[in-house]
C-alpha atoms as a PDB file:
ATOM      1  CA  MET A   1     -43.378 -75.549 -45.775  1.00  0.00           C
ATOM      2  CA  ASN A   2     -44.983 -78.247 -43.694  1.00  0.00           C
ATOM      3  CA  ARG A   3     -44.430 -82.021 -43.831  1.00  0.00           C
ATOM      4  CA  ARG A   4     -47.182 -82.817 -46.336  1.00  0.00           C
ATOM      5  CA  HIS A   5     -45.668 -80.592 -48.908  1.00  0.00           C
ATOM      6  CA  HIS A   6     -42.399 -82.377 -48.561  1.00  0.00           C
ATOM      7  CA  ARG A   7     -44.131 -85.653 -48.667  1.00  0.00           C
ATOM      8  CA  HIS A   8     -45.842 -85.276 -52.043  1.00  0.00           C
ATOM      9  CA  ARG A   9     -42.969 -83.409 -53.514  1.00  0.00           C
ATOM     10  CA  ARG A  10     -40.807 -86.564 -53.476  1.00  0.00           C
ATOM     11  CA  TYR A  11     -43.013 -88.007 -56.156  1.00  0.00           C
ATOM     12  CA  ARG A  12     -42.317 -85.192 -58.584  1.00  0.00           C
ATOM     13  CA  ARG A  13     -40.240 -85.570 -61.726  1.00  0.00           C
ATOM     14  CA  SER A  14     -39.527 -81.901 -61.729  1.00  0.00           C
ATOM     15  CA  THR A  15     -38.324 -79.966 -58.632  1.00  0.00           C
ATOM     16  CA  ALA A  16     -39.359 -76.655 -60.145  1.00  0.00           C
ATOM     17  CA  ALA A  17     -42.839 -76.949 -61.451  1.00  0.00           C
ATOM     18  CA  THR A  18     -44.237 -73.555 -62.405  1.00  0.00           C
ATOM     19  CA  ALA A  19     -47.334 -72.410 -60.462  1.00  0.00           C
ATOM     20  CA  VAL A  20     -50.228 -71.946 -62.798  1.00  0.00           C
ATOM     21  CA  ALA A  21     -53.896 -71.527 -62.540  1.00  0.00           C
ATOM     22  CA  LEU A  22     -55.793 -74.890 -62.132  1.00  0.00           C
ATOM     23  CA  THR A  23     -57.872 -73.822 -65.175  1.00  0.00           C
ATOM     24  CA  ALA A  24     -54.798 -73.832 -67.200  1.00  0.00           C
ATOM     25  CA  ALA A  25     -53.838 -77.328 -65.905  1.00  0.00           C
ATOM     26  CA  LEU A  26     -57.205 -78.646 -66.906  1.00  0.00           C
ATOM     27  CA  ALA A  27     -56.957 -77.129 -70.287  1.00  0.00           C
ATOM     28  CA  LEU A  28     -53.640 -78.823 -70.724  1.00  0.00           C
ATOM     29  CA  ALA A  29     -55.101 -82.133 -69.606  1.00  0.00           C
ATOM     30  CA  ALA A  30     -57.801 -81.791 -72.388  1.00  0.00           C
ATOM     31  CA  CYS A  31     -55.385 -80.598 -75.095  1.00  0.00           C
ATOM     32  CA  GLY A  32     -55.333 -82.889 -78.006  1.00  0.00           C
ATOM     33  CA  SER A  33     -57.877 -85.229 -76.461  1.00  0.00           C
ATOM     34  CA  ASP A  34     -61.518 -86.049 -76.824  1.00  0.00           C
ATOM     35  CA  ASP A  35     -63.874 -88.636 -75.121  1.00  0.00           C
ATOM     36  CA  SER A  36     -62.375 -91.386 -77.308  1.00  0.00           C
ATOM     37  CA  ASP A  37     -58.930 -91.006 -76.066  1.00  0.00           C
ATOM     38  CA  SER A  38     -59.150 -89.432 -72.624  1.00  0.00           C
ATOM     39  CA  GLY A  39     -60.675 -92.164 -70.582  1.00  0.00           C
ATOM     40  CA  ALA A  40     -64.293 -91.502 -71.480  1.00  0.00           C
ATOM     41  CA  GLY A  41     -66.467 -94.240 -72.902  1.00  0.00           C
ATOM     42  CA  GLY A  42     -66.709 -93.040 -76.483  1.00  0.00           C
ATOM     43  CA  ASP A  43     -66.203 -95.602 -79.197  1.00  0.00           C
ATOM     44  CA  GLY A  44     -62.638 -96.325 -78.230  1.00  0.00           C
ATOM     45  CA  GLU A  45     -61.570 -99.777 -77.283  1.00  0.00           C
ATOM     46  CA  GLY A  46     -58.487-100.816 -75.370  1.00  0.00           C
ATOM     47  CA  ASN A  47     -55.676 -98.665 -74.896  1.00  0.00           C
ATOM     48  CA  GLY A  48     -54.555 -96.267 -77.709  1.00  0.00           C
ATOM     49  CA  GLY A  49     -51.116 -97.456 -78.687  1.00  0.00           C
ATOM     50  CA  GLY A  50     -51.181-100.913 -77.205  1.00  0.00           C
ATOM     51  CA  GLY A  51     -48.128-100.227 -75.008  1.00  0.00           C
ATOM     52  CA  THR A  52     -48.052-100.702 -71.236  1.00  0.00           C
ATOM     53  CA  ARG A  53     -45.995 -99.472 -68.336  1.00  0.00           C
ATOM     54  CA  THR A  54     -45.612-100.502 -64.594  1.00  0.00           C
ATOM     55  CA  VAL A  55     -47.013 -98.523 -61.648  1.00  0.00           C
ATOM     56  CA  GLU A  56     -45.955 -99.211 -58.044  1.00  0.00           C
ATOM     57  CA  THR A  57     -49.172 -99.663 -56.004  1.00  0.00           C
ATOM     58  CA  ALA A  58     -50.372-100.736 -52.572  1.00  0.00           C
ATOM     59  CA  MET A  59     -50.710-104.210 -54.047  1.00  0.00           C
ATOM     60  CA  GLY A  60     -47.367-104.272 -55.683  1.00  0.00           C
ATOM     61  CA  PRO A  61     -46.343-103.457 -59.321  1.00  0.00           C
ATOM     62  CA  VAL A  62     -49.152-103.338 -61.825  1.00  0.00           C
ATOM     63  CA  GLU A  63     -48.805-103.163 -65.610  1.00  0.00           C
ATOM     64  CA  VAL A  64     -51.257-100.665 -66.992  1.00  0.00           C
ATOM     65  CA  PRO A  65     -52.028 -99.442 -70.468  1.00  0.00           C
ATOM     66  CA  GLU A  66     -50.018 -96.443 -71.736  1.00  0.00           C
ATOM     67  CA  ASP A  67     -53.258 -94.658 -72.829  1.00  0.00           C
ATOM     68  CA  PRO A  68     -56.281 -96.135 -70.722  1.00  0.00           C
ATOM     69  CA  ARG A  69     -59.531 -95.208 -72.297  1.00  0.00           C
ATOM     70  CA  ARG A  70     -62.163 -97.077 -70.250  1.00  0.00           C
ATOM     71  CA  VAL A  71     -61.486 -96.208 -66.605  1.00  0.00           C
ATOM     72  CA  VAL A  72     -63.650 -97.322 -63.548  1.00  0.00           C
ATOM     73  CA  VAL A  73     -63.349 -95.505 -60.220  1.00  0.00           C
ATOM     74  CA  LEU A  74     -64.164 -97.063 -56.883  1.00  0.00           C
ATOM     75  CA  ASP A  75     -64.306 -93.899 -54.724  1.00  0.00           C
ATOM     76  CA  THR A  76     -65.086 -90.188 -54.686  1.00  0.00           C
ATOM     77  CA  GLY A  77     -61.431 -89.328 -54.470  1.00  0.00           C
ATOM     78  CA  GLU A  78     -60.659 -91.177 -57.620  1.00  0.00           C
ATOM     79  CA  LEU A  79     -63.512 -89.589 -59.316  1.00  0.00           C
ATOM     80  CA  ASP A  80     -62.216 -86.143 -58.525  1.00  0.00           C
ATOM     81  CA  THR A  81     -58.742 -87.134 -59.603  1.00  0.00           C
ATOM     82  CA  ALA A  82     -59.953 -88.397 -62.949  1.00  0.00           C
ATOM     83  CA  ILE A  83     -62.194 -85.316 -63.673  1.00  0.00           C
ATOM     84  CA  THR A  84     -59.393 -83.028 -62.581  1.00  0.00           C
ATOM     85  CA  LEU A  85     -57.004 -84.515 -65.087  1.00  0.00           C
ATOM     86  CA  GLY A  86     -59.610 -84.409 -67.851  1.00  0.00           C
ATOM     87  CA  VAL A  87     -60.608 -88.110 -67.816  1.00  0.00           C
ATOM     88  CA  THR A  88     -64.275 -89.068 -67.798  1.00  0.00           C
ATOM     89  CA  PRO A  89     -64.616 -92.532 -66.314  1.00  0.00           C
ATOM     90  CA  VAL A  90     -67.021 -95.058 -67.812  1.00  0.00           C
ATOM     91  CA  GLY A  91     -68.052 -96.299 -64.457  1.00  0.00           C
ATOM     92  CA  ALA A  92     -68.123 -94.926 -60.837  1.00  0.00           C
ATOM     93  CA  VAL A  93     -69.634 -95.844 -57.477  1.00  0.00           C
ATOM     94  CA  GLN A  94     -71.958 -93.873 -55.453  1.00  0.00           C
ATOM     95  CA  THR A  95     -71.910 -92.848 -51.794  1.00  0.00           C
ATOM     96  CA  ASP A  96     -73.928 -94.628 -49.020  1.00  0.00           C
ATOM     97  CA  THR A  97     -76.454 -91.715 -49.087  1.00  0.00           C
ATOM     98  CA  GLY A  98     -76.996 -92.309 -52.838  1.00  0.00           C
ATOM     99  CA  THR A  99     -74.856 -89.428 -54.122  1.00  0.00           C
ATOM    100  CA  MET A 100     -72.975 -90.465 -57.351  1.00  0.00           C
ATOM    101  CA  PHE A 101     -71.926 -87.294 -58.997  1.00  0.00           C
ATOM    102  CA  LEU A 102     -70.694 -84.853 -56.407  1.00  0.00           C
ATOM    103  CA  ASP A 103     -72.345 -81.380 -56.856  1.00  0.00           C
ATOM    104  CA  TYR A 104     -69.129 -79.396 -56.899  1.00  0.00           C
ATOM    105  CA  LEU A 105     -67.753 -81.247 -59.961  1.00  0.00           C
ATOM    106  CA  PRO A 106     -68.426 -79.984 -63.492  1.00  0.00           C
ATOM    107  CA  GLN A 107     -71.514 -81.829 -64.474  1.00  0.00           C
ATOM    108  CA  GLU A 108     -70.976 -81.829 -68.164  1.00  0.00           C
ATOM    109  CA  GLY A 109     -70.545 -85.327 -69.385  1.00  0.00           C
ATOM    110  CA  LEU A 110     -71.085 -86.994 -65.909  1.00  0.00           C
ATOM    111  CA  ALA A 111     -74.454 -88.350 -66.891  1.00  0.00           C
ATOM    112  CA  ASP A 112     -72.810 -90.853 -69.137  1.00  0.00           C
ATOM    113  CA  ILE A 113     -70.930 -92.451 -66.308  1.00  0.00           C
ATOM    114  CA  GLU A 114     -72.418 -95.737 -65.430  1.00  0.00           C
ATOM    115  CA  ASN A 115     -73.266 -96.606 -61.745  1.00  0.00           C
ATOM    116  CA  VAL A 116     -71.284 -99.569 -60.581  1.00  0.00           C
ATOM    117  CA  GLY A 117     -72.435-100.059 -56.954  1.00  0.00           C
ATOM    118  CA  THR A 118     -71.548 -98.137 -53.881  1.00  0.00           C
ATOM    119  CA  ILE A 119     -68.292 -97.330 -51.989  1.00  0.00           C
ATOM    120  CA  ALA A 120     -66.823-100.419 -50.545  1.00  0.00           C
ATOM    121  CA  ALA A 121     -69.531-102.600 -52.256  1.00  0.00           C
ATOM    122  CA  PRO A 122     -68.812-102.354 -56.028  1.00  0.00           C
ATOM    123  CA  ASP A 123     -70.955-104.433 -58.423  1.00  0.00           C
ATOM    124  CA  LEU A 124     -68.282-106.579 -60.121  1.00  0.00           C
ATOM    125  CA  GLU A 125     -70.686-107.737 -62.739  1.00  0.00           C
ATOM    126  CA  ALA A 126     -71.528-104.189 -63.744  1.00  0.00           C
ATOM    127  CA  ILE A 127     -67.865-103.324 -63.971  1.00  0.00           C
ATOM    128  CA  HIS A 128     -67.201-106.387 -66.076  1.00  0.00           C
ATOM    129  CA  GLU A 129     -69.835-105.437 -68.508  1.00  0.00           C
ATOM    130  CA  LEU A 130     -68.218-102.056 -69.059  1.00  0.00           C
ATOM    131  CA  ASP A 131     -65.083-103.725 -70.395  1.00  0.00           C
ATOM    132  CA  PRO A 132     -62.734-101.329 -68.540  1.00  0.00           C
ATOM    133  CA  ASP A 133     -58.991-101.185 -69.293  1.00  0.00           C
ATOM    134  CA  LEU A 134     -58.122 -99.598 -65.811  1.00  0.00           C
ATOM    135  CA  ILE A 135     -59.707 -99.674 -62.367  1.00  0.00           C
ATOM    136  CA  LEU A 136     -58.692 -97.151 -59.742  1.00  0.00           C
ATOM    137  CA  GLY A 137     -59.458 -97.607 -55.971  1.00  0.00           C
ATOM    138  CA  SER A 138     -57.882 -98.336 -52.598  1.00  0.00           C
ATOM    139  CA  LYS A 139     -56.761-101.247 -50.558  1.00  0.00           C
ATOM    140  CA  VAL A 140     -58.763-100.094 -47.443  1.00  0.00           C
ATOM    141  CA  ARG A 141     -61.955-100.097 -49.388  1.00  0.00           C
ATOM    142  CA  ASP A 142     -61.661-103.153 -51.682  1.00  0.00           C
ATOM    143  CA  GLU A 143     -58.720-105.383 -50.665  1.00  0.00           C
ATOM    144  CA  GLN A 144     -60.932-108.471 -50.501  1.00  0.00           C
ATOM    145  CA  ARG A 145     -62.092-107.906 -53.998  1.00  0.00           C
ATOM    146  CA  TYR A 146     -58.665-107.079 -55.520  1.00  0.00           C
ATOM    147  CA  ASP A 147     -58.111-110.435 -57.130  1.00  0.00           C
ATOM    148  CA  GLU A 148     -61.435-110.498 -58.835  1.00  0.00           C
ATOM    149  CA  LEU A 149     -61.122-106.863 -59.920  1.00  0.00           C
ATOM    150  CA  SER A 150     -57.648-107.591 -61.418  1.00  0.00           C
ATOM    151  CA  GLN A 151     -59.171-110.334 -63.536  1.00  0.00           C
ATOM    152  CA  ILE A 152     -61.334-107.753 -65.075  1.00  0.00           C
ATOM    153  CA  ALA A 153     -58.741-105.076 -65.727  1.00  0.00           C
ATOM    154  CA  PRO A 154     -55.467-103.730 -64.388  1.00  0.00           C
ATOM    155  CA  THR A 155     -56.299-102.468 -60.858  1.00  0.00           C
ATOM    156  CA  VAL A 156     -54.347 -99.727 -59.278  1.00  0.00           C
ATOM    157  CA  PHE A 157     -54.881 -99.391 -55.427  1.00  0.00           C
ATOM    158  CA  SER A 158     -53.649 -96.748 -52.952  1.00  0.00           C
ATOM    159  CA  GLU A 159     -53.109 -97.959 -49.453  1.00  0.00           C
ATOM    160  CA  ASN A 160     -55.712 -95.724 -47.806  1.00  0.00           C
ATOM    161  CA  VAL A 161     -58.000 -92.780 -48.356  1.00  0.00           C
ATOM    162  CA  GLY A 162     -58.361 -89.333 -46.840  1.00  0.00           C
ATOM    163  CA  ALA A 163     -55.087 -87.966 -45.378  1.00  0.00           C
ATOM    164  CA  PRO A 164     -52.748 -89.436 -48.030  1.00  0.00           C
ATOM    165  CA  TRP A 165     -54.958 -87.932 -50.870  1.00  0.00           C
ATOM    166  CA  GLN A 166     -52.092 -86.051 -52.348  1.00  0.00           C
ATOM    167  CA  ASP A 167     -49.969 -89.087 -52.717  1.00  0.00           C
ATOM    168  CA  ASN A 168     -52.837 -91.132 -54.043  1.00  0.00           C
ATOM    169  CA  PHE A 169     -53.507 -88.396 -56.665  1.00  0.00           C
ATOM    170  CA  LEU A 170     -49.975 -88.818 -58.057  1.00  0.00           C
ATOM    171  CA  MET A 171     -50.233 -92.598 -58.048  1.00  0.00           C
ATOM    172  CA  HIS A 172     -53.488 -92.658 -59.845  1.00  0.00           C
ATOM    173  CA  ALA A 173     -52.305 -89.783 -62.263  1.00  0.00           C
ATOM    174  CA  GLU A 174     -49.342 -92.038 -63.230  1.00  0.00           C
ATOM    175  CA  ALA A 175     -51.788 -94.860 -63.922  1.00  0.00           C
ATOM    176  CA  LEU A 176     -53.878 -92.543 -66.162  1.00  0.00           C
ATOM    177  CA  GLY A 177     -50.810 -91.379 -67.995  1.00  0.00           C
ATOM    178  CA  ARG A 178     -51.332 -87.888 -66.728  1.00  0.00           C
ATOM    179  CA  SER A 179     -48.244 -87.251 -64.560  1.00  0.00           C
ATOM    180  CA  ALA A 180     -47.250 -83.974 -66.386  1.00  0.00           C
ATOM    181  CA  GLU A 181     -50.732 -82.616 -65.915  1.00  0.00           C
ATOM    182  CA  ALA A 182     -50.700 -83.646 -62.292  1.00  0.00           C
ATOM    183  CA  GLU A 183     -47.517 -81.674 -61.580  1.00  0.00           C
ATOM    184  CA  GLU A 184     -49.355 -78.589 -62.921  1.00  0.00           C
ATOM    185  CA  VAL A 185     -52.349 -79.232 -60.704  1.00  0.00           C
ATOM    186  CA  VAL A 186     -50.103 -79.571 -57.573  1.00  0.00           C
ATOM    187  CA  ALA A 187     -48.214 -76.372 -58.324  1.00  0.00           C
ATOM    188  CA  ALA A 188     -51.391 -74.477 -58.747  1.00  0.00           C
ATOM    189  CA  TYR A 189     -52.633 -75.839 -55.412  1.00  0.00           C
ATOM    190  CA  GLU A 190     -49.458 -74.870 -53.705  1.00  0.00           C
ATOM    191  CA  ALA A 191     -49.593 -71.317 -55.145  1.00  0.00           C
ATOM    192  CA  ARG A 192     -53.237 -70.925 -53.968  1.00  0.00           C
ATOM    193  CA  VAL A 193     -52.310 -72.253 -50.449  1.00  0.00           C
ATOM    194  CA  ALA A 194     -49.660 -69.576 -50.217  1.00  0.00           C
ATOM    195  CA  GLU A 195     -52.178 -66.880 -51.312  1.00  0.00           C
ATOM    196  CA  VAL A 196     -54.755 -67.873 -48.611  1.00  0.00           C
ATOM    197  CA  THR A 197     -52.057 -68.090 -45.887  1.00  0.00           C
ATOM    198  CA  GLU A 198     -51.075 -64.470 -46.810  1.00  0.00           C
ATOM    199  CA  ALA A 199     -54.645 -63.396 -47.095  1.00  0.00           C
ATOM    200  CA  VAL A 200     -55.217 -64.338 -43.442  1.00  0.00           C
ATOM    201  CA  GLY A 201     -52.291 -62.399 -42.188  1.00  0.00           C
ATOM    202  CA  GLY A 202     -49.354 -64.683 -42.887  1.00  0.00           C
ATOM    203  CA  ALA A 203     -47.935 -67.806 -41.199  1.00  0.00           C
ATOM    204  CA  GLU A 204     -47.960 -66.479 -37.539  1.00  0.00           C
ATOM    205  CA  ALA A 205     -51.571 -65.229 -37.854  1.00  0.00           C
ATOM    206  CA  ALA A 206     -52.810 -68.439 -39.471  1.00  0.00           C
ATOM    207  CA  ALA A 207     -51.106 -70.648 -36.726  1.00  0.00           C
ATOM    208  CA  GLY A 208     -52.877 -68.505 -34.095  1.00  0.00           C
ATOM    209  CA  THR A 209     -56.327 -69.097 -35.705  1.00  0.00           C
ATOM    210  CA  GLU A 210     -57.974 -72.218 -34.333  1.00  0.00           C
ATOM    211  CA  VAL A 211     -60.386 -73.788 -36.921  1.00  0.00           C
ATOM    212  CA  SER A 212     -62.829 -76.495 -35.793  1.00  0.00           C
ATOM    213  CA  MET A 213     -64.464 -78.937 -38.207  1.00  0.00           C
ATOM    214  CA  VAL A 214     -67.710 -80.508 -37.124  1.00  0.00           C
ATOM    215  CA  ARG A 215     -69.592 -83.110 -39.051  1.00  0.00           C
ATOM    216  CA  PHE A 216     -73.022 -84.430 -37.880  1.00  0.00           C
ATOM    217  CA  ILE A 217     -73.525 -87.947 -38.991  1.00  0.00           C
ATOM    218  CA  GLU A 218     -76.940 -89.575 -39.796  1.00  0.00           C
ATOM    219  CA  GLY A 219     -76.988 -92.769 -37.778  1.00  0.00           C
ATOM    220  CA  GLY A 220     -73.897 -92.140 -35.709  1.00  0.00           C
ATOM    221  CA  ASN A 221     -72.244 -89.634 -33.285  1.00  0.00           C
ATOM    222  CA  THR A 222     -71.029 -86.186 -34.191  1.00  0.00           C
ATOM    223  CA  ARG A 223     -67.392 -86.025 -35.325  1.00  0.00           C
ATOM    224  CA  LEU A 224     -64.912 -83.368 -34.490  1.00  0.00           C
ATOM    225  CA  TYR A 225     -62.321 -83.917 -37.122  1.00  0.00           C
ATOM    226  CA  GLY A 226     -58.606 -84.098 -36.299  1.00  0.00           C
ATOM    227  CA  GLN A 227     -55.632 -83.501 -38.663  1.00  0.00           C
ATOM    228  CA  ASP A 228     -55.101 -86.780 -40.392  1.00  0.00           C
ATOM    229  CA  ASN A 229     -57.899 -86.563 -43.012  1.00  0.00           C
ATOM    230  CA  PHE A 230     -58.620 -84.699 -46.189  1.00  0.00           C
ATOM    231  CA  ILE A 231     -59.858 -81.425 -44.668  1.00  0.00           C
ATOM    232  CA  GLY A 232     -57.239 -81.598 -41.976  1.00  0.00           C
ATOM    233  CA  THR A 233     -54.393 -81.634 -44.485  1.00  0.00           C
ATOM    234  CA  ILE A 234     -55.763 -78.658 -46.317  1.00  0.00           C
ATOM    235  CA  LEU A 235     -55.996 -76.574 -43.035  1.00  0.00           C
ATOM    236  CA  ALA A 236     -52.501 -77.808 -42.157  1.00  0.00           C
ATOM    237  CA  ASP A 237     -51.182 -76.773 -45.548  1.00  0.00           C
ATOM    238  CA  VAL A 238     -52.490 -73.247 -44.980  1.00  0.00           C
ATOM    239  CA  GLY A 239     -50.847 -73.336 -41.602  1.00  0.00           C
ATOM    240  CA  LEU A 240     -54.075 -72.946 -39.598  1.00  0.00           C
ATOM    241  CA  GLY A 241     -54.276 -73.887 -35.994  1.00  0.00           C
ATOM    242  CA  ARG A 242     -56.634 -76.441 -34.554  1.00  0.00           C
ATOM    243  CA  PRO A 243     -58.457 -76.756 -31.192  1.00  0.00           C
ATOM    244  CA  ALA A 244     -56.764 -78.871 -28.489  1.00  0.00           C
ATOM    245  CA  ILE A 245     -59.402 -81.590 -28.770  1.00  0.00           C
ATOM    246  CA  THR A 246     -58.022 -82.614 -32.099  1.00  0.00           C
ATOM    247  CA  GLU A 247     -55.029 -84.069 -30.184  1.00  0.00           C
ATOM    248  CA  GLU A 248     -57.473 -86.686 -28.742  1.00  0.00           C
ATOM    249  CA  ALA A 249     -58.489 -87.863 -32.143  1.00  0.00           C
ATOM    250  CA  GLU A 250     -57.949 -91.680 -32.629  1.00  0.00           C
ATOM    251  CA  ASP A 251     -55.247 -92.114 -35.332  1.00  0.00           C
ATOM    252  CA  GLY A 252     -55.499 -88.340 -35.791  1.00  0.00           C
ATOM    253  CA  PHE A 253     -58.857 -88.688 -37.690  1.00  0.00           C
ATOM    254  CA  ALA A 254     -61.760 -87.562 -35.379  1.00  0.00           C
ATOM    255  CA  VAL A 255     -63.154 -87.376 -31.914  1.00  0.00           C
ATOM    256  CA  GLU A 256     -66.724 -88.666 -31.678  1.00  0.00           C
ATOM    257  CA  VAL A 257     -68.967 -86.788 -29.231  1.00  0.00           C
ATOM    258  CA  SER A 258     -72.645 -86.970 -28.160  1.00  0.00           C
ATOM    259  CA  PRO A 259     -75.121 -84.076 -28.723  1.00  0.00           C
ATOM    260  CA  GLU A 260     -74.487 -83.113 -25.099  1.00  0.00           C
ATOM    261  CA  GLN A 261     -70.781 -82.628 -25.862  1.00  0.00           C
ATOM    262  CA  VAL A 262     -71.054 -80.343 -28.871  1.00  0.00           C
ATOM    263  CA  ASP A 263     -69.615 -77.552 -26.887  1.00  0.00           C
ATOM    264  CA  ARG A 264     -66.152 -79.233 -27.252  1.00  0.00           C
ATOM    265  CA  ALA A 265     -66.244 -78.115 -30.804  1.00  0.00           C
ATOM    266  CA  ASP A 266     -65.373 -74.498 -29.985  1.00  0.00           C
ATOM    267  CA  GLY A 267     -62.671 -72.533 -31.904  1.00  0.00           C
ATOM    268  CA  ASP A 268     -61.992 -69.263 -33.361  1.00  0.00           C
ATOM    269  CA  PHE A 269     -63.901 -70.443 -36.503  1.00  0.00           C
ATOM    270  CA  ILE A 270     -66.257 -73.439 -36.783  1.00  0.00           C
ATOM    271  CA  PHE A 271     -67.076 -75.045 -40.092  1.00  0.00           C
ATOM    272  CA  TYR A 272     -70.014 -77.598 -39.885  1.00  0.00           C
ATOM    273  CA  THR A 273     -71.985 -79.911 -42.050  1.00  0.00           C
ATOM    274  CA  SER A 274     -74.091 -83.133 -42.079  1.00  0.00           C
ATOM    275  CA  TYR A 275     -73.429 -86.484 -43.767  1.00  0.00           C
ATOM    276  CA  GLY A 276     -77.051 -87.325 -44.462  1.00  0.00           C
ATOM    277  CA  ALA A 277     -80.168 -85.313 -43.676  1.00  0.00           C
ATOM    278  CA  PRO A 278     -79.764 -82.490 -41.196  1.00  0.00           C
ATOM    279  CA  ASP A 279     -82.969 -83.437 -39.350  1.00  0.00           C
ATOM    280  CA  ALA A 280     -81.577 -87.099 -39.035  1.00  0.00           C
ATOM    281  CA  SER A 281     -77.915 -86.317 -38.202  1.00  0.00           C
ATOM    282  CA  GLY A 282     -78.478 -84.228 -35.173  1.00  0.00           C
ATOM    283  CA  GLU A 283     -77.580 -80.941 -36.795  1.00  0.00           C
ATOM    284  CA  GLU A 284     -80.956 -79.302 -36.628  1.00  0.00           C
ATOM    285  CA  ASP A 285     -81.258 -80.058 -32.876  1.00  0.00           C
ATOM    286  CA  ALA A 286     -77.762 -78.899 -32.046  1.00  0.00           C
ATOM    287  CA  VAL A 287     -77.391 -75.847 -34.086  1.00  0.00           C
ATOM    288  CA  GLY A 288     -79.375 -73.064 -32.351  1.00  0.00           C
ATOM    289  CA  GLY A 289     -79.495 -75.218 -29.149  1.00  0.00           C
ATOM    290  CA  PRO A 290     -78.206 -73.748 -25.828  1.00  0.00           C
ATOM    291  CA  LEU A 291     -74.824 -75.438 -26.029  1.00  0.00           C
ATOM    292  CA  TRP A 292     -74.211 -74.266 -29.599  1.00  0.00           C
ATOM    293  CA  ASP A 293     -75.319 -70.687 -28.812  1.00  0.00           C
ATOM    294  CA  GLU A 294     -72.583 -70.576 -26.043  1.00  0.00           C
ATOM    295  CA  LEU A 295     -69.720 -71.385 -28.420  1.00  0.00           C
ATOM    296  CA  THR A 296     -67.327 -68.395 -28.974  1.00  0.00           C
ATOM    297  CA  ALA A 297     -67.315 -68.835 -32.723  1.00  0.00           C
ATOM    298  CA  VAL A 298     -71.050 -68.826 -32.764  1.00  0.00           C
ATOM    299  CA  GLN A 299     -71.287 -65.733 -30.608  1.00  0.00           C
ATOM    300  CA  GLU A 300     -68.848 -63.867 -32.661  1.00  0.00           C
ATOM    301  CA  GLY A 301     -70.528 -64.876 -36.088  1.00  0.00           C
ATOM    302  CA  ARG A 302     -67.719 -67.189 -37.079  1.00  0.00           C
ATOM    303  CA  ALA A 303     -69.592 -70.466 -37.452  1.00  0.00           C
ATOM    304  CA  PHE A 304     -70.365 -71.432 -41.011  1.00  0.00           C
ATOM    305  CA  ARG A 305     -72.281 -74.244 -42.682  1.00  0.00           C
ATOM    306  CA  VAL A 306     -70.390 -75.821 -45.549  1.00  0.00           C
ATOM    307  CA  ASP A 307     -71.150 -78.374 -48.251  1.00  0.00           C
ATOM    308  CA  ASP A 308     -70.497 -81.905 -47.044  1.00  0.00           C
ATOM    309  CA  GLN A 309     -69.782 -83.193 -50.507  1.00  0.00           C
ATOM    310  CA  LEU A 310     -67.120 -80.582 -51.155  1.00  0.00           C
ATOM    311  CA  TRP A 311     -65.440 -80.483 -47.722  1.00  0.00           C
ATOM    312  CA  PHE A 312     -65.599 -84.145 -46.797  1.00  0.00           C
ATOM    313  CA  LEU A 313     -66.430 -86.360 -49.811  1.00  0.00           C
ATOM    314  CA  GLY A 314     -64.467 -84.876 -52.622  1.00  0.00           C
ATOM    315  CA  ILE A 315     -60.866 -85.796 -51.432  1.00  0.00           C
ATOM    316  CA  GLY A 316     -59.149 -84.341 -54.534  1.00  0.00           C
ATOM    317  CA  TYR A 317     -57.638 -81.284 -55.917  1.00  0.00           C
ATOM    318  CA  THR A 318     -60.760 -79.926 -57.657  1.00  0.00           C
ATOM    319  CA  ALA A 319     -62.449 -80.061 -54.314  1.00  0.00           C
ATOM    320  CA  ALA A 320     -59.417 -78.539 -52.585  1.00  0.00           C
ATOM    321  CA  GLU A 321     -59.228 -75.529 -54.808  1.00  0.00           C
ATOM    322  CA  GLN A 322     -62.828 -74.666 -54.061  1.00  0.00           C
ATOM    323  CA  ILE A 323     -62.295 -75.191 -50.320  1.00  0.00           C
ATOM    324  CA  LEU A 324     -59.402 -72.823 -50.321  1.00  0.00           C
ATOM    325  CA  ASP A 325     -61.712 -70.208 -51.956  1.00  0.00           C
ATOM    326  CA  GLU A 326     -64.273 -70.657 -49.360  1.00  0.00           C
ATOM    327  CA  LEU A 327     -61.807 -70.615 -46.559  1.00  0.00           C
ATOM    328  CA  GLN A 328     -60.242 -67.347 -47.649  1.00  0.00           C
ATOM    329  CA  GLN A 329     -63.711 -65.837 -47.991  1.00  0.00           C
ATOM    330  CA  HIS A 330     -64.875 -66.881 -44.445  1.00  0.00           C
ATOM    331  CA  LEU A 331     -61.548 -66.207 -42.668  1.00  0.00           C
ATOM    332  CA  THR A 332     -61.061 -62.653 -44.027  1.00  0.00           C
ATOM    333  CA  HIS A 333     -64.534 -61.368 -44.128  1.00  0.00           C
ATOM    334  CA  THR A 334     -65.606 -61.368 -40.488  1.00  0.00           C
END
């Protein structure tokens, strides 16, 4: 088991959580709840029983309601976490490209969530008007707004986003009062990871399979993703190998290349996407071009376009489960 499994296991209250299907975990999260007591807007006000508890956060200890009912989330990862745990926020931010409700999420009920600005630029007035009793976000995005947000409602921040998503999930689950449900979700994910590793031929075969992650960026250089990010942790959990260029990634995050360097993306498998429009991100020019056509993965039919919202924006367990399904499909049917 890799270091990331050990890292998120130290947060567990039980050392022997039973692996169950994610659908069962979601059903458990919803049991005995409806919109008025599970974090949705509804007609509920305040926290159900009026009690509080303390959560350790990146900004220090924060006292939160025992049963938060009006939750605002300030990033896509927090939205995934809330939905995964059966909580419908009253407010959420949208991405810089204008996406608010990521397509991979179950869409039922999302239309009632109010827009409260964009990632790293939340609309504090809009948040205040929603009268939340809990705000979930991260220090890296909104540290400069923490004091103002805390005056609106108890605010629980993780330190960072991306690579520590598994730890962030458990912290935010604790704030939501859904730690037991979170354990079920983590167990289901670990069981699914083991299945995918086995499906690709076991740990040794997985380690010998180099997977390259390419993201074309509208208004920026192309990114070859390293290991210290959301998708990198999932690949590491499965035990998949990564191309040597990932070792050059600053802080383990990504290596930026120009269109003339896209050949550095080669691997046994390539998964690629665009943040923004493909005709503006450089994807359309690169894919099918001479450098792209020379890549081993392309020549062997092992280059696959994937959904950017799912693979890069979701940053949560609902996204991760679907990514594992797609990984297994692509890695075993070529």
